[in-house]
Amino acid sequence: MQRARDRLERALDRLEAAAARVPVLTAERKALAEERDRLARALAQMEAEKAALRQATDAAAHRLDSVIVRTRGALDRTH
């Protein structure tokens, strides 16, 4: 009978210890979710910046091609 009571007390102690960790784990879970959301927003911003840079690079390349064509045309007319 004493063994069963001891086992029950140990089980209750473990249960109380687990219950005490619940708020901590909940807070950690919330913090991790907030960090995940922050990182997702940062990634979305980086993707948008990457797309804008790609568009700007394409536009600059197009302008450079136009300058090269005009320069070649001007050189051909002078020779």
PDB file of N, CA and C in Angstrom:
ATOM      1  N   MET A   1       0.818  -1.178   0.000  1.00  0.00           N
ATOM      2  CA  MET A   1       0.000   0.000   0.000  1.00  0.00           C
ATOM      3  C   MET A   1       0.879   1.265   0.000  1.00  0.00           C
ATOM      4  N   GLN A   2       1.931   1.240   0.791  1.00  0.00           N
ATOM      5  CA  GLN A   2       2.841   2.382   0.861  1.00  0.00           C
ATOM      6  C   GLN A   2       3.523   2.604  -0.493  1.00  0.00           C
ATOM      7  N   ARG A   3       3.887   1.510  -1.169  1.00  0.00           N
ATOM      8  CA  ARG A   3       4.529   1.638  -2.490  1.00  0.00           C
ATOM      9  C   ARG A   3       3.597   2.315  -3.477  1.00  0.00           C
ATOM     10  N   ALA A   4       2.354   1.914  -3.464  1.00  0.00           N
ATOM     11  CA  ALA A   4       1.374   2.505  -4.367  1.00  0.00           C
ATOM     12  C   ALA A   4       1.195   3.989  -4.049  1.00  0.00           C
ATOM     13  N   ARG A   5       1.162   4.314  -2.758  1.00  0.00           N
ATOM     14  CA  ARG A   5       1.017   5.712  -2.354  1.00  0.00           C
ATOM     15  C   ARG A   5       2.248   6.520  -2.793  1.00  0.00           C
ATOM     16  N   ASP A   6       3.437   5.956  -2.640  1.00  0.00           N
ATOM     17  CA  ASP A   6       4.663   6.638  -3.069  1.00  0.00           C
ATOM     18  C   ASP A   6       4.658   6.866  -4.579  1.00  0.00           C
ATOM     19  N   ARG A   7       4.259   5.824  -5.313  1.00  0.00           N
ATOM     20  CA  ARG A   7       4.195   5.966  -6.774  1.00  0.00           C
ATOM     21  C   ARG A   7       3.181   7.033  -7.162  1.00  0.00           C
ATOM     22  N   LEU A   8       2.062   7.050  -6.497  1.00  0.00           N
ATOM     23  CA  LEU A   8       1.035   8.048  -6.772  1.00  0.00           C
ATOM     24  C   LEU A   8       1.549   9.455  -6.452  1.00  0.00           C
ATOM     25  N   GLU A   9       2.268   9.609  -5.352  1.00  0.00           N
ATOM     26  CA  GLU A   9       2.819  10.919  -4.995  1.00  0.00           C
ATOM     27  C   GLU A   9       3.860  11.371  -6.014  1.00  0.00           C
ATOM     28  N   ARG A  10       4.704  10.441  -6.462  1.00  0.00           N
ATOM     29  CA  ARG A  10       5.702  10.780  -7.482  1.00  0.00           C
ATOM     30  C   ARG A  10       5.013  11.181  -8.793  1.00  0.00           C
ATOM     31  N   ALA A  11       3.974  10.445  -9.142  1.00  0.00           N
ATOM     32  CA  ALA A  11       3.220  10.773 -10.351  1.00  0.00           C
ATOM     33  C   ALA A  11       2.577  12.153 -10.222  1.00  0.00           C
ATOM     34  N   LEU A  12       2.045  12.459  -9.074  1.00  0.00           N
ATOM     35  CA  LEU A  12       1.449  13.775  -8.843  1.00  0.00           C
ATOM     36  C   LEU A  12       2.518  14.870  -8.899  1.00  0.00           C
ATOM     37  N   ASP A  13       3.681  14.589  -8.343  1.00  0.00           N
ATOM     38  CA  ASP A  13       4.785  15.553  -8.411  1.00  0.00           C
ATOM     39  C   ASP A  13       5.168  15.830  -9.864  1.00  0.00           C
ATOM     40  N   ARG A  14       5.256  14.757 -10.663  1.00  0.00           N
ATOM     41  CA  ARG A  14       5.597  14.930 -12.084  1.00  0.00           C
ATOM     42  C   ARG A  14       4.505  15.727 -12.805  1.00  0.00           C
ATOM     43  N   LEU A  15       3.275  15.428 -12.470  1.00  0.00           N
ATOM     44  CA  LEU A  15       2.150  16.139 -13.077  1.00  0.00           C
ATOM     45  C   LEU A  15       2.183  17.626 -12.705  1.00  0.00           C
ATOM     46  N   GLU A  16       2.463  17.922 -11.448  1.00  0.00           N
ATOM     47  CA  GLU A  16       2.568  19.323 -11.021  1.00  0.00           C
ATOM     48  C   GLU A  16       3.724  20.024 -11.714  1.00  0.00           C
ATOM     49  N   ALA A  17       4.840  19.323 -11.848  1.00  0.00           N
ATOM     50  CA  ALA A  17       5.999  19.915 -12.530  1.00  0.00           C
ATOM     51  C   ALA A  17       5.660  20.191 -13.997  1.00  0.00           C
ATOM     52  N   ALA A  18       4.967  19.256 -14.628  1.00  0.00           N
ATOM     53  CA  ALA A  18       4.572  19.458 -16.031  1.00  0.00           C
ATOM     54  C   ALA A  18       3.595  20.622 -16.145  1.00  0.00           C
ATOM     55  N   ALA A  19       2.666  20.706 -15.223  1.00  0.00           N
ATOM     56  CA  ALA A  19       1.693  21.802 -15.244  1.00  0.00           C
ATOM     57  C   ALA A  19       2.385  23.150 -15.048  1.00  0.00           C
ATOM     58  N   ALA A  20       3.429  23.167 -14.253  1.00  0.00           N
ATOM     59  CA  ALA A  20       4.165  24.410 -14.021  1.00  0.00           C
ATOM     60  C   ALA A  20       4.895  24.860 -15.292  1.00  0.00           C
ATOM     61  N   ARG A  21       5.255  23.897 -16.151  1.00  0.00           N
ATOM     62  CA  ARG A  21       5.970  24.236 -17.392  1.00  0.00           C
ATOM     63  C   ARG A  21       5.026  24.726 -18.485  1.00  0.00           C
ATOM     64  N   VAL A  22       3.735  24.469 -18.376  1.00  0.00           N
ATOM     65  CA  VAL A  22       2.791  24.835 -19.433  1.00  0.00           C
ATOM     66  C   VAL A  22       2.846  26.322 -19.761  1.00  0.00           C
ATOM     67  N   PRO A  23       2.775  27.233 -18.790  1.00  0.00           N
ATOM     68  CA  PRO A  23       2.852  28.659 -19.157  1.00  0.00           C
ATOM     69  C   PRO A  23       4.171  29.019 -19.846  1.00  0.00           C
ATOM     70  N   VAL A  24       5.264  28.405 -19.398  1.00  0.00           N
ATOM     71  CA  VAL A  24       6.567  28.677 -20.011  1.00  0.00           C
ATOM     72  C   VAL A  24       6.569  28.192 -21.448  1.00  0.00           C
ATOM     73  N   LEU A  25       6.070  26.979 -21.663  1.00  0.00           N
ATOM     74  CA  LEU A  25       6.035  26.433 -23.012  1.00  0.00           C
ATOM     75  C   LEU A  25       5.094  27.244 -23.898  1.00  0.00           C
ATOM     76  N   THR A  26       3.983  27.695 -23.329  1.00  0.00           N
ATOM     77  CA  THR A  26       3.051  28.520 -24.095  1.00  0.00           C
ATOM     78  C   THR A  26       3.712  29.831 -24.496  1.00  0.00           C
ATOM     79  N   ALA A  27       4.428  30.435 -23.578  1.00  0.00           N
ATOM     80  CA  ALA A  27       5.135  31.680 -23.872  1.00  0.00           C
ATOM     81  C   ALA A  27       6.215  31.442 -24.931  1.00  0.00           C
ATOM     82  N   GLU A  28       6.931  30.344 -24.834  1.00  0.00           N
ATOM     83  CA  GLU A  28       7.963  30.023 -25.825  1.00  0.00           C
ATOM     84  C   GLU A  28       7.323  29.793 -27.186  1.00  0.00           C
ATOM     85  N   ARG A  29       6.217  29.092 -27.209  1.00  0.00           N
ATOM     86  CA  ARG A  29       5.522  28.836 -28.472  1.00  0.00           C
ATOM     87  C   ARG A  29       5.081  30.160 -29.099  1.00  0.00           C
ATOM     88  N   LYS A  30       4.564  31.071 -28.281  1.00  0.00           N
ATOM     89  CA  LYS A  30       4.130  32.372 -28.786  1.00  0.00           C
ATOM     90  C   LYS A  30       5.322  33.152 -29.327  1.00  0.00           C
ATOM     91  N   ALA A  31       6.426  33.131 -28.589  1.00  0.00           N
ATOM     92  CA  ALA A  31       7.629  33.836 -29.041  1.00  0.00           C
ATOM     93  C   ALA A  31       8.147  33.252 -30.351  1.00  0.00           C
ATOM     94  N   LEU A  32       8.132  31.941 -30.466  1.00  0.00           N
ATOM     95  CA  LEU A  32       8.581  31.307 -31.708  1.00  0.00           C
ATOM     96  C   LEU A  32       7.654  31.653 -32.872  1.00  0.00           C
ATOM     97  N   ALA A  33       6.357  31.688 -32.622  1.00  0.00           N
ATOM     98  CA  ALA A  33       5.404  32.058 -33.674  1.00  0.00           C
ATOM     99  C   ALA A  33       5.627  33.502 -34.118  1.00  0.00           C
ATOM    100  N   GLU A  34       5.885  34.389 -33.159  1.00  0.00           N
ATOM    101  CA  GLU A  34       6.154  35.789 -33.503  1.00  0.00           C
ATOM    102  C   GLU A  34       7.440  35.899 -34.318  1.00  0.00           C
ATOM    103  N   GLU A  35       8.452  35.157 -33.925  1.00  0.00           N
ATOM    104  CA  GLU A  35       9.726  35.179 -34.666  1.00  0.00           C
ATOM    105  C   GLU A  35       9.532  34.614 -36.073  1.00  0.00           C
ATOM    106  N   ARG A  36       8.763  33.530 -36.184  1.00  0.00           N
ATOM    107  CA  ARG A  36       8.472  32.948 -37.495  1.00  0.00           C
ATOM    108  C   ARG A  36       7.761  33.979 -38.376  1.00  0.00           C
ATOM    109  N   ASP A  37       6.789  34.682 -37.820  1.00  0.00           N
ATOM    110  CA  ASP A  37       6.048  35.693 -38.580  1.00  0.00           C
ATOM    111  C   ASP A  37       6.961  36.840 -38.995  1.00  0.00           C
ATOM    112  N   ARG A  38       7.832  37.257 -38.089  1.00  0.00           N
ATOM    113  CA  ARG A  38       8.777  38.336 -38.403  1.00  0.00           C
ATOM    114  C   ARG A  38       9.705  37.913 -39.539  1.00  0.00           C
ATOM    115  N   LEU A  39      10.210  36.678 -39.460  1.00  0.00           N
ATOM    116  CA  LEU A  39      11.093  36.187 -40.513  1.00  0.00           C
ATOM    117  C   LEU A  39      10.357  36.044 -41.840  1.00  0.00           C
ATOM    118  N   ALA A  40       9.098  35.635 -41.801  1.00  0.00           N
ATOM    119  CA  ALA A  40       8.305  35.518 -43.028  1.00  0.00           C
ATOM    120  C   ALA A  40       8.113  36.891 -43.672  1.00  0.00           C
ATOM    121  N   ARG A  41       7.852  37.908 -42.841  1.00  0.00           N
ATOM    122  CA  ARG A  41       7.708  39.266 -43.376  1.00  0.00           C
ATOM    123  C   ARG A  41       9.032  39.751 -43.975  1.00  0.00           C
ATOM    124  N   ALA A  42      10.127  39.469 -43.282  1.00  0.00           N
ATOM    125  CA  ALA A  42      11.441  39.883 -43.784  1.00  0.00           C
ATOM    126  C   ALA A  42      11.753  39.180 -45.105  1.00  0.00           C
ATOM    127  N   LEU A  43      11.426  37.907 -45.190  1.00  0.00           N
ATOM    128  CA  LEU A  43      11.653  37.167 -46.430  1.00  0.00           C
ATOM    129  C   LEU A  43      10.813  37.733 -47.565  1.00  0.00           C
ATOM    130  N   ALA A  44       9.552  38.047 -47.289  1.00  0.00           N
ATOM    131  CA  ALA A  44       8.683  38.628 -48.315  1.00  0.00           C
ATOM    132  C   ALA A  44       9.238  39.971 -48.783  1.00  0.00           C
ATOM    133  N   GLN A  45       9.745  40.770 -47.847  1.00  0.00           N
ATOM    134  CA  GLN A  45      10.338  42.056 -48.217  1.00  0.00           C
ATOM    135  C   GLN A  45      11.582  41.846 -49.070  1.00  0.00           C
ATOM    136  N   MET A  46      12.402  40.881 -48.695  1.00  0.00           N
ATOM    137  CA  MET A  46      13.612  40.599 -49.476  1.00  0.00           C
ATOM    138  C   MET A  46      13.253  40.124 -50.880  1.00  0.00           C
ATOM    139  N   GLU A  47      12.220  39.294 -50.991  1.00  0.00           N
ATOM    140  CA  GLU A  47      11.784  38.822 -52.307  1.00  0.00           C
ATOM    141  C   GLU A  47      11.297  39.991 -53.157  1.00  0.00           C
ATOM    142  N   ALA A  48      10.562  40.923 -52.538  1.00  0.00           N
ATOM    143  CA  ALA A  48      10.085  42.097 -53.270  1.00  0.00           C
ATOM    144  C   ALA A  48      11.258  42.957 -53.722  1.00  0.00           C
ATOM    145  N   GLU A  49      12.241  43.139 -52.840  1.00  0.00           N
ATOM    146  CA  GLU A  49      13.428  43.920 -53.200  1.00  0.00           C
ATOM    147  C   GLU A  49      14.208  43.230 -54.313  1.00  0.00           C
ATOM    148  N   LYS A  50      14.290  41.927 -54.249  1.00  0.00           N
ATOM    149  CA  LYS A  50      14.979  41.166 -55.292  1.00  0.00           C
ATOM    150  C   LYS A  50      14.288  41.355 -56.637  1.00  0.00           C
ATOM    151  N   ALA A  51      12.963  41.298 -56.641  1.00  0.00           N
ATOM    152  CA  ALA A  51      12.213  41.506 -57.879  1.00  0.00           C
ATOM    153  C   ALA A  51      12.423  42.926 -58.404  1.00  0.00           C
ATOM    154  N   ALA A  52      12.425  43.908 -57.498  1.00  0.00           N
ATOM    155  CA  ALA A  52      12.639  45.290 -57.922  1.00  0.00           C
ATOM    156  C   ALA A  52      14.051  45.467 -58.497  1.00  0.00           C
ATOM    157  N   LEU A  53      15.032  44.848 -57.868  1.00  0.00           N
ATOM    158  CA  LEU A  53      16.400  44.923 -58.390  1.00  0.00           C
ATOM    159  C   LEU A  53      16.517  44.260 -59.753  1.00  0.00           C
ATOM    160  N   ARG A  54      15.839  43.130 -59.912  1.00  0.00           N
ATOM    161  CA  ARG A  54      15.862  42.435 -61.202  1.00  0.00           C
ATOM    162  C   ARG A  54      15.231  43.326 -62.275  1.00  0.00           C
ATOM    163  N   GLN A  55      14.113  43.966 -61.937  1.00  0.00           N
ATOM    164  CA  GLN A  55      13.454  44.854 -62.891  1.00  0.00           C
ATOM    165  C   GLN A  55      14.347  46.047 -63.230  1.00  0.00           C
ATOM    166  N   ALA A  56      14.983  46.629 -62.219  1.00  0.00           N
ATOM    167  CA  ALA A  56      15.873  47.764 -62.457  1.00  0.00           C
ATOM    168  C   ALA A  56      17.080  47.343 -63.297  1.00  0.00           C
ATOM    169  N   THR A  57      17.600  46.165 -63.055  1.00  0.00           N
ATOM    170  CA  THR A  57      18.740  45.663 -63.822  1.00  0.00           C
ATOM    171  C   THR A  57      18.343  45.434 -65.277  1.00  0.00           C
ATOM    172  N   ASP A  58      17.167  44.858 -65.486  1.00  0.00           N
ATOM    173  CA  ASP A  58      16.683  44.638 -66.851  1.00  0.00           C
ATOM    174  C   ASP A  58      16.499  45.966 -67.585  1.00  0.00           C
ATOM    175  N   ALA A  59      15.938  46.954 -66.883  1.00  0.00           N
ATOM    176  CA  ALA A  59      15.739  48.272 -67.497  1.00  0.00           C
ATOM    177  C   ALA A  59      17.078  48.916 -67.835  1.00  0.00           C
ATOM    178  N   ALA A  60      18.040  48.799 -66.922  1.00  0.00           N
ATOM    179  CA  ALA A  60      19.365  49.372 -67.176  1.00  0.00           C
ATOM    180  C   ALA A  60      20.037  48.668 -68.357  1.00  0.00           C
ATOM    181  N   ALA A  61      19.892  47.365 -68.441  1.00  0.00           N
ATOM    182  CA  ALA A  61      20.478  46.622 -69.557  1.00  0.00           C
ATOM    183  C   ALA A  61      19.833  47.051 -70.877  1.00  0.00           C
ATOM    184  N   HIS A  62      18.538  47.261 -70.855  1.00  0.00           N
ATOM    185  CA  HIS A  62      17.834  47.705 -72.065  1.00  0.00           C
ATOM    186  C   HIS A  62      18.328  49.086 -72.487  1.00  0.00           C
ATOM    187  N   ARG A  63      18.477  49.994 -71.520  1.00  0.00           N
ATOM    188  CA  ARG A  63      18.986  51.327 -71.835  1.00  0.00           C
ATOM    189  C   ARG A  63      20.412  51.252 -72.377  1.00  0.00           C
ATOM    190  N   LEU A  64      21.224  50.388 -71.789  1.00  0.00           N
ATOM    191  CA  LEU A  64      22.599  50.230 -72.261  1.00  0.00           C
ATOM    192  C   LEU A  64      22.619  49.704 -73.688  1.00  0.00           C
ATOM    193  N   ASP A  65      21.754  48.730 -73.977  1.00  0.00           N
ATOM    194  CA  ASP A  65      21.668  48.209 -75.342  1.00  0.00           C
ATOM    195  C   ASP A  65      21.288  49.316 -76.317  1.00  0.00           C
ATOM    196  N   SER A  66      20.356  50.193 -75.907  1.00  0.00           N
ATOM    197  CA  SER A  66      19.944  51.303 -76.765  1.00  0.00           C
ATOM    198  C   SER A  66      21.105  52.258 -77.019  1.00  0.00           C
ATOM    199  N   VAL A  67      21.886  52.546 -75.990  1.00  0.00           N
ATOM    200  CA  VAL A  67      23.048  53.430 -76.141  1.00  0.00           C
ATOM    201  C   VAL A  67      24.058  52.801 -77.091  1.00  0.00           C
ATOM    202  N   ILE A  68      24.279  51.500 -76.953  1.00  0.00           N
ATOM    203  CA  ILE A  68      25.241  50.814 -77.828  1.00  0.00           C
ATOM    204  C   ILE A  68      24.771  50.885 -79.277  1.00  0.00           C
ATOM    205  N   VAL A  69      23.482  50.645 -79.502  1.00  0.00           N
ATOM    206  CA  VAL A  69      22.948  50.692 -80.867  1.00  0.00           C
ATOM    207  C   VAL A  69      23.095  52.098 -81.443  1.00  0.00           C
ATOM    208  N   ARG A  70      22.735  53.118 -80.657  1.00  0.00           N
ATOM    209  CA  ARG A  70      22.857  54.495 -81.145  1.00  0.00           C
ATOM    210  C   ARG A  70      24.318  54.853 -81.418  1.00  0.00           C
ATOM    211  N   THR A  71      25.211  54.415 -80.521  1.00  0.00           N
ATOM    212  CA  THR A  71      26.636  54.711 -80.708  1.00  0.00           C
ATOM    213  C   THR A  71      27.170  54.041 -81.961  1.00  0.00           C
ATOM    214  N   ARG A  72      26.795  52.785 -82.195  1.00  0.00           N
ATOM    215  CA  ARG A  72      27.243  52.092 -83.405  1.00  0.00           C
ATOM    216  C   ARG A  72      26.694  52.792 -84.638  1.00  0.00           C
ATOM    217  N   GLY A  73      25.437  53.206 -84.579  1.00  0.00           N
ATOM    218  CA  GLY A  73      24.843  53.932 -85.718  1.00  0.00           C
ATOM    219  C   GLY A  73      25.574  55.226 -85.974  1.00  0.00           C
ATOM    220  N   ALA A  74      25.922  55.929 -84.916  1.00  0.00           N
ATOM    221  CA  ALA A  74      26.640  57.196 -85.090  1.00  0.00           C
ATOM    222  C   ALA A  74      28.018  56.938 -85.646  1.00  0.00           C
ATOM    223  N   LEU A  75      28.676  55.893 -85.179  1.00  0.00           N
ATOM    224  CA  LEU A  75      30.008  55.581 -85.695  1.00  0.00           C
ATOM    225  C   LEU A  75      29.943  55.166 -87.150  1.00  0.00           C
ATOM    226  N   ASP A  76      28.925  54.403 -87.521  1.00  0.00           N
ATOM    227  CA  ASP A  76      28.783  53.979 -88.921  1.00  0.00           C
ATOM    228  C   ASP A  76      28.567  55.182 -89.823  1.00  0.00           C
ATOM    229  N   ARG A  77      27.837  56.183 -89.358  1.00  0.00           N
ATOM    230  CA  ARG A  77      27.576  57.375 -90.188  1.00  0.00           C
ATOM    231  C   ARG A  77      28.829  58.230 -90.330  1.00  0.00           C
ATOM    232  N   THR A  78      29.733  58.170 -89.384  1.00  0.00           N
ATOM    233  CA  THR A  78      30.940  59.004 -89.468  1.00  0.00           C
ATOM    234  C   THR A  78      32.013  58.343 -90.294  1.00  0.00           C
ATOM    235  N   HIS A  79      31.928  57.063 -90.526  1.00  0.00           N
ATOM    236  CA  HIS A  79      32.981  56.370 -91.294  1.00  0.00           C
ATOM    237  C   HIS A  79      32.563  56.112 -92.684  1.00  0.00           C
TER     238      HIS A  79
END
